[in-house]
Amino acid sequence: MSSLRGKVVWITGASSGIGEALVYAFAAQGARLILSSRRKEELERVKGNCPAPQQAGIRVLPLDLARSSTLQLTTEAAIQIFGHIDILINNGGISQRSLAKDTVLEVDRKIMEVDFFGTIALTKYLLP
């Protein structure tokens, strides 16, 4: 992964779990990072857990994938941070822990809006 040095990587869902682990892995390889999720405080915590020299190349950009009307502007803001994005990691998402028969359709719609349409939108907005 040494070829990641200096690459700009935008990680959604970066405030916990797999996204947080990806932040540490990419930071260790010298990538410049944009961390996004709904929880700015948690993003700052994750950034703060990276070694000090790596923190200079890490930016926090709050993002709510459920707010589709903001995704294009947020993508434009992400691009402006370092001038471009080399890699987008669509890790952000939500889940529901219940039986399918017990889950109301509105919850299913919200999951699709965030997990499917949110990631598709970010990807499309980054295309040349």
Protein backbone atom coordinates (compact mmCIF):
# COMPACT_ATOMS: atom_id res chain seq x y z
CA MET A 1 0.00 0.00 0.00
CA SER A 2 2.99 2.37 -0.19
CA SER A 3 1.55 3.72 -3.44
CA LEU A 4 -1.06 5.50 -1.30
CA ARG A 5 1.41 8.14 -0.09
CA GLY A 6 -0.01 11.54 -0.96
CA LYS A 7 -3.24 10.15 -2.43
CA VAL A 8 -6.43 11.93 -1.37
CA VAL A 9 -8.89 9.50 0.18
CA TRP A 10 -12.42 10.47 1.22
CA ILE A 11 -13.85 8.02 3.76
CA THR A 12 -17.53 8.18 4.68
CA GLY A 13 -18.64 6.53 7.90
CA ALA A 14 -15.19 7.37 9.29
CA SER A 15 -16.29 7.97 12.90
CA SER A 16 -16.39 4.32 14.03
CA GLY A 17 -16.02 0.67 13.10
CA ILE A 18 -14.59 -0.23 9.72
CA GLY A 19 -14.40 3.42 8.66
CA GLU A 20 -12.31 4.33 11.70
CA ALA A 21 -9.99 1.37 11.07
CA LEU A 22 -9.60 2.48 7.44
CA VAL A 23 -8.60 5.97 8.60
CA TYR A 24 -5.74 4.56 10.66
CA ALA A 25 -4.63 2.21 7.85
CA PHE A 26 -4.62 4.91 5.17
CA ALA A 27 -2.99 7.48 7.49
CA ALA A 28 -0.21 5.00 8.26
CA GLN A 29 0.47 4.76 4.52
CA GLY A 30 0.76 8.54 4.15
CA ALA A 31 -2.55 9.25 2.42
CA ARG A 32 -4.21 12.62 2.78
CA LEU A 33 -7.65 12.02 4.26
CA ILE A 34 -11.10 13.56 4.34
CA LEU A 35 -13.16 12.06 7.16
CA SER A 36 -16.94 12.22 6.94
CA SER A 37 -19.91 11.11 9.04
CA ARG A 38 -22.75 12.79 10.89
CA ARG A 39 -20.82 12.99 14.16
CA LYS A 40 -18.19 15.74 13.93
CA GLU A 41 -16.98 15.18 17.50
CA GLU A 42 -16.26 11.53 16.76
CA LEU A 43 -14.47 12.45 13.55
CA GLU A 44 -12.26 14.84 15.54
CA ARG A 45 -11.55 12.02 18.01
CA VAL A 46 -10.53 9.67 15.20
CA LYS A 47 -8.30 12.36 13.68
CA GLY A 48 -6.77 13.00 17.10
CA ASN A 49 -5.93 9.30 17.46
CA CYS A 50 -3.68 9.49 14.40
CA PRO A 51 -0.01 10.34 15.00
CA ALA A 52 0.64 14.10 15.03
CA PRO A 53 2.64 14.22 11.76
CA GLN A 54 -0.23 12.52 9.92
CA GLN A 55 -2.88 14.85 11.35
CA ALA A 56 -1.69 17.69 9.11
CA GLY A 57 -3.02 15.78 6.10
CA ILE A 58 -6.40 14.94 7.64
CA ARG A 59 -9.53 17.06 7.33
CA VAL A 60 -12.97 16.60 8.88
CA LEU A 61 -16.03 17.20 6.71
CA PRO A 62 -19.39 16.38 8.36
CA LEU A 63 -21.82 14.58 6.07
CA ASP A 64 -25.34 13.20 6.48
CA LEU A 65 -26.12 10.77 3.66
CA ALA A 66 -29.83 11.05 4.51
CA ARG A 67 -29.84 14.71 3.46
CA SER A 68 -29.70 14.21 -0.30
CA SER A 69 -30.13 17.93 -0.99
CA THR A 70 -26.71 18.61 0.58
CA LEU A 71 -24.67 15.87 -1.09
CA GLN A 72 -23.59 17.77 -4.19
CA LEU A 73 -22.40 20.79 -2.19
CA THR A 74 -20.62 18.54 0.29
CA THR A 75 -18.90 16.72 -2.57
CA GLU A 76 -17.78 20.05 -4.03
CA ALA A 77 -16.46 21.06 -0.60
CA ALA A 78 -14.55 17.77 -0.34
CA ILE A 79 -12.91 18.36 -3.71
CA GLN A 80 -11.90 21.90 -2.70
CA ILE A 81 -10.05 20.69 0.40
CA PHE A 82 -7.13 19.13 -1.50
CA GLY A 83 -8.11 20.04 -5.09
CA HIS A 84 -9.24 16.55 -6.06
CA ILE A 85 -10.25 13.13 -4.73
CA ASP A 86 -8.25 10.05 -5.75
CA ILE A 87 -10.26 7.45 -3.82
CA LEU A 88 -13.79 7.49 -2.41
CA ILE A 89 -14.62 4.87 0.19
CA ASN A 90 -18.40 4.66 0.52
CA ASN A 91 -18.48 3.19 4.02
CA GLY A 92 -21.22 5.35 5.54
CA GLY A 93 -24.59 3.78 6.14
CA ILE A 94 -27.28 2.80 8.58
CA SER A 95 -28.88 -0.48 9.59
CA GLN A 96 -31.93 -1.78 11.38
CA ARG A 97 -31.84 -4.68 13.79
CA SER A 98 -35.26 -6.25 13.48
CA LEU A 99 -37.02 -8.97 11.58
CA ALA A 100 -38.03 -7.94 8.06
CA LYS A 101 -41.69 -8.63 8.86
CA ASP A 102 -41.50 -6.31 11.88
CA THR A 103 -39.80 -3.42 10.08
CA VAL A 104 -42.08 -0.70 8.78
CA LEU A 105 -41.67 0.32 5.15
CA GLU A 106 -40.57 3.83 6.12
CA VAL A 107 -37.47 2.37 7.81
CA ASP A 108 -36.70 0.34 4.67
CA ARG A 109 -37.02 3.51 2.58
CA LYS A 110 -34.63 5.43 4.84
CA ILE A 111 -32.07 2.62 4.69
CA MET A 112 -32.24 2.62 0.89
CA GLU A 113 -31.99 6.42 0.78
CA VAL A 114 -28.83 6.41 2.89
CA ASP A 115 -27.12 3.15 2.00
CA PHE A 116 -27.92 3.03 -1.71
CA PHE A 117 -28.88 6.43 -3.07
CA GLY A 118 -26.47 8.35 -0.82
CA THR A 119 -23.48 6.36 -2.00
CA ILE A 120 -24.61 6.48 -5.64
CA ALA A 121 -25.01 10.26 -5.41
CA LEU A 122 -21.53 10.84 -3.97
CA THR A 123 -20.00 8.61 -6.61
CA LYS A 124 -21.83 10.37 -9.45
CA TYR A 125 -20.89 13.83 -8.15
CA LEU A 126 -17.21 12.81 -8.23
CA LEU A 127 -17.30 11.55 -11.79
CA PRO A 128 -15.59 13.84 -14.34
